[in-house]
C-alpha atoms as a PDB file:
ATOM      1  CA  UNK A   1       3.404 -20.029  11.433  1.00  0.00           C
ATOM      2  CA  UNK A   2       6.601 -18.201  12.339  1.00  0.00           C
ATOM      3  CA  UNK A   3       6.767 -14.546  13.347  1.00  0.00           C
ATOM      4  CA  UNK A   4       8.070 -13.441   9.946  1.00  0.00           C
ATOM      5  CA  UNK A   5       5.207 -15.184   8.141  1.00  0.00           C
ATOM      6  CA  UNK A   6       2.688 -13.878  10.664  1.00  0.00           C
ATOM      7  CA  UNK A   7       3.962 -10.331  10.167  1.00  0.00           C
ATOM      8  CA  UNK A   8       3.541 -10.799   6.424  1.00  0.00           C
ATOM      9  CA  UNK A   9      -0.027 -12.041   6.858  1.00  0.00           C
ATOM     10  CA  UNK A  10      -0.926  -9.087   9.085  1.00  0.00           C
ATOM     11  CA  UNK A  11       0.728  -6.689   6.651  1.00  0.00           C
ATOM     12  CA  UNK A  12      -1.293  -8.125   3.768  1.00  0.00           C
ATOM     13  CA  UNK A  13      -4.498  -7.803   5.802  1.00  0.00           C
ATOM     14  CA  UNK A  14      -3.698  -4.134   6.393  1.00  0.00           C
ATOM     15  CA  UNK A  15      -2.974  -3.666   2.670  1.00  0.00           C
ATOM     16  CA  UNK A  16      -6.376  -5.213   1.918  1.00  0.00           C
ATOM     17  CA  UNK A  17      -8.079  -2.621   4.127  1.00  0.00           C
ATOM     18  CA  UNK A  18      -9.121  -5.048   6.869  1.00  0.00           C
ATOM     19  CA  UNK A  19      -7.922  -2.651   9.591  1.00  0.00           C
ATOM     20  CA  UNK A  20      -8.226   1.111  10.010  1.00  0.00           C
ATOM     21  CA  UNK A  21      -5.748   3.765  11.240  1.00  0.00           C
ATOM     22  CA  UNK A  22      -5.840   4.088  15.017  1.00  0.00           C
ATOM     23  CA  UNK A  23      -7.520   0.703  15.526  1.00  0.00           C
ATOM     24  CA  UNK A  24      -6.339  -1.136  18.636  1.00  0.00           C
ATOM     25  CA  UNK A  25      -5.214  -4.722  18.106  1.00  0.00           C
ATOM     26  CA  UNK A  26      -6.339  -7.164  20.793  1.00  0.00           C
ATOM     27  CA  UNK A  27      -3.814  -9.966  21.300  1.00  0.00           C
ATOM     28  CA  UNK A  28      -6.348 -12.718  21.972  1.00  0.00           C
ATOM     29  CA  UNK A  29      -8.373 -11.806  18.877  1.00  0.00           C
ATOM     30  CA  UNK A  30      -5.319 -11.489  16.648  1.00  0.00           C
ATOM     31  CA  UNK A  31      -3.834 -14.790  17.875  1.00  0.00           C
ATOM     32  CA  UNK A  32      -7.061 -16.593  17.059  1.00  0.00           C
ATOM     33  CA  UNK A  33      -7.528 -14.853  13.725  1.00  0.00           C
ATOM     34  CA  UNK A  34      -4.059 -15.722  12.426  1.00  0.00           C
ATOM     35  CA  UNK A  35      -3.713 -19.071  14.189  1.00  0.00           C
ATOM     36  CA  UNK A  36      -0.563 -18.210  16.112  1.00  0.00           C
ATOM     37  CA  UNK A  37       0.588 -18.144  19.723  1.00  0.00           C
ATOM     38  CA  UNK A  38       0.671 -14.874  21.616  1.00  0.00           C
ATOM     39  CA  UNK A  39       4.457 -15.073  21.806  1.00  0.00           C
ATOM     40  CA  UNK A  40       4.671 -15.367  18.022  1.00  0.00           C
ATOM     41  CA  UNK A  41       2.161 -12.541  17.685  1.00  0.00           C
ATOM     42  CA  UNK A  42       4.264 -10.282  19.893  1.00  0.00           C
ATOM     43  CA  UNK A  43       7.337 -11.027  17.788  1.00  0.00           C
ATOM     44  CA  UNK A  44       5.410 -10.152  14.629  1.00  0.00           C
ATOM     45  CA  UNK A  45       4.112  -6.971  16.282  1.00  0.00           C
ATOM     46  CA  UNK A  46       7.718  -5.951  17.001  1.00  0.00           C
ATOM     47  CA  UNK A  47       8.593  -6.401  13.321  1.00  0.00           C
ATOM     48  CA  UNK A  48       5.603  -4.365  12.166  1.00  0.00           C
ATOM     49  CA  UNK A  49       6.313  -1.620  14.691  1.00  0.00           C
ATOM     50  CA  UNK A  50       9.842  -1.405  13.275  1.00  0.00           C
ATOM     51  CA  UNK A  51       8.288  -1.120   9.794  1.00  0.00           C
ATOM     52  CA  UNK A  52       6.061   1.756  10.924  1.00  0.00           C
ATOM     53  CA  UNK A  53       2.858  -0.179  10.233  1.00  0.00           C
ATOM     54  CA  UNK A  54       1.971  -0.522  13.921  1.00  0.00           C
ATOM     55  CA  UNK A  55       2.438   1.845  16.867  1.00  0.00           C
ATOM     56  CA  UNK A  56       2.917   0.789  20.485  1.00  0.00           C
ATOM     57  CA  UNK A  57       1.654   3.219  23.127  1.00  0.00           C
ATOM     58  CA  UNK A  58       2.906   2.493  26.672  1.00  0.00           C
ATOM     59  CA  UNK A  59       0.171   1.177  28.988  1.00  0.00           C
ATOM     60  CA  UNK A  60      -2.329   1.387  26.110  1.00  0.00           C
ATOM     61  CA  UNK A  61      -1.393  -1.344  23.675  1.00  0.00           C
ATOM     62  CA  UNK A  62      -0.623  -1.773  19.983  1.00  0.00           C
ATOM     63  CA  UNK A  63      -2.474   0.234  17.342  1.00  0.00           C
ATOM     64  CA  UNK A  64      -2.606   0.456  13.573  1.00  0.00           C
ATOM     65  CA  UNK A  65      -0.428   3.421  12.619  1.00  0.00           C
ATOM     66  CA  UNK A  66      -1.846   6.642  11.198  1.00  0.00           C
ATOM     67  CA  UNK A  67       0.593   8.010   8.587  1.00  0.00           C
ATOM     68  CA  UNK A  68       1.350  11.745   8.566  1.00  0.00           C
ATOM     69  CA  UNK A  69       2.066  14.035   5.616  1.00  0.00           C
ATOM     70  CA  UNK A  70       5.790  13.543   6.272  1.00  0.00           C
ATOM     71  CA  UNK A  71       5.296   9.774   6.171  1.00  0.00           C
ATOM     72  CA  UNK A  72       3.515  10.064   2.824  1.00  0.00           C
ATOM     73  CA  UNK A  73       6.338  12.160   1.403  1.00  0.00           C
ATOM     74  CA  UNK A  74       8.873   9.559   2.517  1.00  0.00           C
ATOM     75  CA  UNK A  75       6.812   6.671   1.154  1.00  0.00           C
ATOM     76  CA  UNK A  76       6.663   8.314  -2.258  1.00  0.00           C
ATOM     77  CA  UNK A  77      10.398   8.943  -2.254  1.00  0.00           C
ATOM     78  CA  UNK A  78      10.785   5.185  -1.756  1.00  0.00           C
ATOM     79  CA  UNK A  79       8.221   4.358  -4.417  1.00  0.00           C
ATOM     80  CA  UNK A  80       9.864   6.774  -6.842  1.00  0.00           C
ATOM     81  CA  UNK A  81      13.123   4.873  -6.462  1.00  0.00           C
ATOM     82  CA  UNK A  82      11.709   1.339  -6.494  1.00  0.00           C
ATOM     83  CA  UNK A  83       8.887   1.241  -9.030  1.00  0.00           C
ATOM     84  CA  UNK A  84      10.414   3.016 -12.050  1.00  0.00           C
ATOM     85  CA  UNK A  85      13.574   0.959 -11.543  1.00  0.00           C
ATOM     86  CA  UNK A  86      11.545  -2.246 -11.598  1.00  0.00           C
ATOM     87  CA  UNK A  87       9.875  -1.098 -14.820  1.00  0.00           C
ATOM     88  CA  UNK A  88      13.195  -0.195 -16.460  1.00  0.00           C
ATOM     89  CA  UNK A  89      15.184  -3.273 -15.526  1.00  0.00           C
ATOM     90  CA  UNK A  90      12.755  -5.970 -14.405  1.00  0.00           C
ATOM     91  CA  UNK A  91      13.067  -9.143 -16.455  1.00  0.00           C
ATOM     92  CA  UNK A  92      10.036 -10.991 -15.123  1.00  0.00           C
ATOM     93  CA  UNK A  93       6.999  -8.811 -15.858  1.00  0.00           C
ATOM     94  CA  UNK A  94       3.870 -10.903 -16.296  1.00  0.00           C
ATOM     95  CA  UNK A  95       2.046  -8.879 -18.947  1.00  0.00           C
ATOM     96  CA  UNK A  96      -1.019 -11.128 -18.866  1.00  0.00           C
ATOM     97  CA  UNK A  97      -1.359 -10.690 -15.116  1.00  0.00           C
ATOM     98  CA  UNK A  98      -0.863  -6.926 -15.367  1.00  0.00           C
ATOM     99  CA  UNK A  99      -3.521  -6.812 -18.096  1.00  0.00           C
ATOM    100  CA  UNK A 100      -5.973  -8.722 -15.906  1.00  0.00           C
ATOM    101  CA  UNK A 101      -5.406  -6.305 -13.016  1.00  0.00           C
ATOM    102  CA  UNK A 102      -5.841  -3.203 -15.178  1.00  0.00           C
ATOM    103  CA  UNK A 103      -8.972  -4.659 -16.795  1.00  0.00           C
ATOM    104  CA  UNK A 104     -10.353  -5.420 -13.344  1.00  0.00           C
ATOM    105  CA  UNK A 105      -9.715  -1.829 -12.250  1.00  0.00           C
ATOM    106  CA  UNK A 106     -11.341  -0.443 -15.399  1.00  0.00           C
ATOM    107  CA  UNK A 107     -14.422  -2.609 -14.914  1.00  0.00           C
ATOM    108  CA  UNK A 108     -14.684  -1.708 -11.227  1.00  0.00           C
ATOM    109  CA  UNK A 109     -14.391   1.981 -12.047  1.00  0.00           C
ATOM    110  CA  UNK A 110     -17.018   1.713 -14.781  1.00  0.00           C
ATOM    111  CA  UNK A 111     -19.412   0.043 -12.339  1.00  0.00           C
ATOM    112  CA  UNK A 112     -18.766   2.596  -9.609  1.00  0.00           C
ATOM    113  CA  UNK A 113     -16.955   0.113  -7.343  1.00  0.00           C
ATOM    114  CA  UNK A 114     -14.370   2.641  -6.238  1.00  0.00           C
ATOM    115  CA  UNK A 115     -12.952   0.552  -3.396  1.00  0.00           C
ATOM    116  CA  UNK A 116     -12.318  -2.380  -5.737  1.00  0.00           C
ATOM    117  CA  UNK A 117     -10.661  -0.044  -8.240  1.00  0.00           C
ATOM    118  CA  UNK A 118      -8.385   1.269  -5.481  1.00  0.00           C
ATOM    119  CA  UNK A 119      -7.437  -2.264  -4.434  1.00  0.00           C
ATOM    120  CA  UNK A 120      -6.661  -3.215  -8.030  1.00  0.00           C
ATOM    121  CA  UNK A 121      -4.525  -0.095  -8.353  1.00  0.00           C
ATOM    122  CA  UNK A 122      -2.359  -1.201  -5.441  1.00  0.00           C
ATOM    123  CA  UNK A 123      -2.097  -4.708  -6.872  1.00  0.00           C
ATOM    124  CA  UNK A 124      -0.892  -3.236 -10.167  1.00  0.00           C
ATOM    125  CA  UNK A 125       1.955  -1.391  -8.479  1.00  0.00           C
ATOM    126  CA  UNK A 126       2.827  -4.479  -6.437  1.00  0.00           C
ATOM    127  CA  UNK A 127       2.951  -6.555  -9.619  1.00  0.00           C
ATOM    128  CA  UNK A 128       5.211  -4.016 -11.339  1.00  0.00           C
ATOM    129  CA  UNK A 129       7.757  -4.462  -8.564  1.00  0.00           C
ATOM    130  CA  UNK A 130       7.346  -8.250  -8.675  1.00  0.00           C
ATOM    131  CA  UNK A 131       8.639  -8.011 -12.242  1.00  0.00           C
ATOM    132  CA  UNK A 132      12.093  -7.264 -10.848  1.00  0.00           C
ATOM    133  CA  UNK A 133      12.261 -10.827  -9.542  1.00  0.00           C
ATOM    134  CA  UNK A 134      13.632  -9.781  -6.145  1.00  0.00           C
ATOM    135  CA  UNK A 135      12.216 -11.209  -2.932  1.00  0.00           C
ATOM    136  CA  UNK A 136      13.772  -8.335  -0.983  1.00  0.00           C
ATOM    137  CA  UNK A 137      12.061  -5.733  -3.188  1.00  0.00           C
ATOM    138  CA  UNK A 138       8.786  -7.653  -2.907  1.00  0.00           C
ATOM    139  CA  UNK A 139       8.972  -7.527   0.889  1.00  0.00           C
ATOM    140  CA  UNK A 140       9.911  -3.848   0.824  1.00  0.00           C
ATOM    141  CA  UNK A 141       6.977  -3.056  -1.450  1.00  0.00           C
ATOM    142  CA  UNK A 142       4.620  -4.985   0.825  1.00  0.00           C
ATOM    143  CA  UNK A 143       5.714  -2.758   3.715  1.00  0.00           C
ATOM    144  CA  UNK A 144       5.308   0.379   1.622  1.00  0.00           C
ATOM    145  CA  UNK A 145       1.861  -0.603   0.349  1.00  0.00           C
ATOM    146  CA  UNK A 146       0.635  -1.503   3.832  1.00  0.00           C
ATOM    147  CA  UNK A 147       1.478   2.023   4.970  1.00  0.00           C
ATOM    148  CA  UNK A 148       0.030   3.472   1.768  1.00  0.00           C
ATOM    149  CA  UNK A 149      -3.264   1.711   2.409  1.00  0.00           C
ATOM    150  CA  UNK A 150      -3.449   3.446   5.781  1.00  0.00           C
ATOM    151  CA  UNK A 151      -2.687   6.786   4.163  1.00  0.00           C
ATOM    152  CA  UNK A 152      -5.348   6.255   1.505  1.00  0.00           C
ATOM    153  CA  UNK A 153      -7.993   5.339   4.070  1.00  0.00           C
ATOM    154  CA  UNK A 154      -7.688   8.841   5.477  1.00  0.00           C
ATOM    155  CA  UNK A 155      -8.240  10.630   2.164  1.00  0.00           C
ATOM    156  CA  UNK A 156     -10.790   8.237   0.665  1.00  0.00           C
ATOM    157  CA  UNK A 157     -13.316   9.292   3.284  1.00  0.00           C
ATOM    158  CA  UNK A 158     -13.146  12.787   1.794  1.00  0.00           C
ATOM    159  CA  UNK A 159     -12.482  11.847  -1.838  1.00  0.00           C
ATOM    160  CA  UNK A 160     -13.776   8.332  -2.634  1.00  0.00           C
ATOM    161  CA  UNK A 161     -12.770   8.566  -6.300  1.00  0.00           C
ATOM    162  CA  UNK A 162      -9.145   9.451  -5.517  1.00  0.00           C
ATOM    163  CA  UNK A 163      -7.773   6.476  -7.479  1.00  0.00           C
ATOM    164  CA  UNK A 164      -9.969   7.004 -10.546  1.00  0.00           C
ATOM    165  CA  UNK A 165      -7.413   9.235 -12.264  1.00  0.00           C
ATOM    166  CA  UNK A 166      -4.714   6.578 -12.017  1.00  0.00           C
ATOM    167  CA  UNK A 167      -6.464   3.734 -13.796  1.00  0.00           C
ATOM    168  CA  UNK A 168      -5.764   5.294 -17.247  1.00  0.00           C
ATOM    169  CA  UNK A 169      -2.161   5.910 -16.166  1.00  0.00           C
ATOM    170  CA  UNK A 170      -1.801   2.237 -15.301  1.00  0.00           C
ATOM    171  CA  UNK A 171      -3.194   1.334 -18.716  1.00  0.00           C
ATOM    172  CA  UNK A 172      -0.629   3.633 -20.359  1.00  0.00           C
ATOM    173  CA  UNK A 173       2.254   2.136 -18.376  1.00  0.00           C
ATOM    174  CA  UNK A 174       1.105  -1.377 -19.277  1.00  0.00           C
ATOM    175  CA  UNK A 175       0.766  -0.553 -22.986  1.00  0.00           C
ATOM    176  CA  UNK A 176       4.278   0.890 -23.033  1.00  0.00           C
ATOM    177  CA  UNK A 177       5.667  -2.174 -21.267  1.00  0.00           C
ATOM    178  CA  UNK A 178       3.927  -4.433 -23.758  1.00  0.00           C
ATOM    179  CA  UNK A 179       5.558  -2.476 -26.598  1.00  0.00           C
ATOM    180  CA  UNK A 180       8.978  -2.749 -24.987  1.00  0.00           C
ATOM    181  CA  UNK A 181       9.111   0.999 -24.261  1.00  0.00           C
ATOM    182  CA  UNK A 182      10.498   0.552 -20.766  1.00  0.00           C
ATOM    183  CA  UNK A 183      12.126   3.967 -20.422  1.00  0.00           C
ATOM    184  CA  UNK A 184       8.953   5.811 -21.405  1.00  0.00           C
ATOM    185  CA  UNK A 185       6.873   3.571 -19.143  1.00  0.00           C
ATOM    186  CA  UNK A 186       9.198   4.404 -16.249  1.00  0.00           C
ATOM    187  CA  UNK A 187       8.984   8.128 -17.067  1.00  0.00           C
ATOM    188  CA  UNK A 188       5.171   8.074 -17.095  1.00  0.00           C
ATOM    189  CA  UNK A 189       5.138   6.157 -13.826  1.00  0.00           C
ATOM    190  CA  UNK A 190       7.665   8.491 -12.181  1.00  0.00           C
ATOM    191  CA  UNK A 191       5.631  11.560 -13.136  1.00  0.00           C
ATOM    192  CA  UNK A 192       2.440   9.957 -11.850  1.00  0.00           C
ATOM    193  CA  UNK A 193       4.012   9.071  -8.507  1.00  0.00           C
ATOM    194  CA  UNK A 194       5.373  12.606  -8.081  1.00  0.00           C
ATOM    195  CA  UNK A 195       1.970  14.107  -8.841  1.00  0.00           C
ATOM    196  CA  UNK A 196       0.207  11.725  -6.480  1.00  0.00           C
ATOM    197  CA  UNK A 197       2.602  12.594  -3.676  1.00  0.00           C
ATOM    198  CA  UNK A 198       1.845  16.304  -4.050  1.00  0.00           C
ATOM    199  CA  UNK A 199      -1.884  15.634  -4.221  1.00  0.00           C
ATOM    200  CA  UNK A 200      -1.843  13.481  -1.093  1.00  0.00           C
ATOM    201  CA  UNK A 201       0.203  15.993   0.870  1.00  0.00           C
ATOM    202  CA  UNK A 202      -2.349  18.696   0.032  1.00  0.00           C
ATOM    203  CA  UNK A 203      -5.228  16.461   1.098  1.00  0.00           C
ATOM    204  CA  UNK A 204      -3.455  15.539   4.331  1.00  0.00           C
ATOM    205  CA  UNK A 205      -2.936  19.195   5.125  1.00  0.00           C
ATOM    206  CA  UNK A 206      -6.656  19.801   4.602  1.00  0.00           C
ATOM    207  CA  UNK A 207      -7.803  16.809   6.679  1.00  0.00           C
ATOM    208  CA  UNK A 208      -5.467  16.824   9.679  1.00  0.00           C
ATOM    209  CA  UNK A 209      -6.987  14.459  12.289  1.00  0.00           C
ATOM    210  CA  UNK A 210      -7.267  15.023  16.017  1.00  0.00           C
ATOM    211  CA  UNK A 211      -4.414  12.721  17.059  1.00  0.00           C
ATOM    212  CA  UNK A 212      -5.535  12.562  20.668  1.00  0.00           C
ATOM    213  CA  UNK A 213      -8.964  11.364  19.580  1.00  0.00           C
ATOM    214  CA  UNK A 214      -7.483   8.892  17.087  1.00  0.00           C
ATOM    215  CA  UNK A 215      -5.672   6.844  19.725  1.00  0.00           C
ATOM    216  CA  UNK A 216      -8.733   6.714  21.978  1.00  0.00           C
ATOM    217  CA  UNK A 217     -10.593   4.448  19.583  1.00  0.00           C
END
């Protein structure tokens, strides 16, 4: 596995919630887990540090990043540009796949499996961008969602049902896409992203972590 592929695998693991903000990554463990050499691992670490997903602290090591309120604001500016555009102009939306993801989220929410509903929510947004048919946008969205997962981990501890409000929004966006109402679907999505950004910033302000303690984990 090359460094680029290894970075992608680590990024996906972060997006899946397999690591937590502030967690230190041990080279020997990571090399074994992903089946790569330590040199390849270090190259992939450098890529992920450049993406903002990892943080290197001199003489301490490499840690999973802990996004700030400013990071969240920036991430949502990016999402607000990427996702509605993919909805408006994407020519490759897989409606059946989107339906399966939304149905999965609805079932998880109905059964009280909030973590599964949150994961399905992220998959829905990833699939919307995949509809644009651009590998570059796919990779960009993977980076964004990896950082978003870290941001969500911070607020979910205080508000486990944070994603519950967005499952009906996803259903609405999907229904509009199915009907060919791309512009309205993009408008609904844009408004939802803007509202989520404001909500997250408020929650971050109310749950500011002790940064010094965070990096001592």
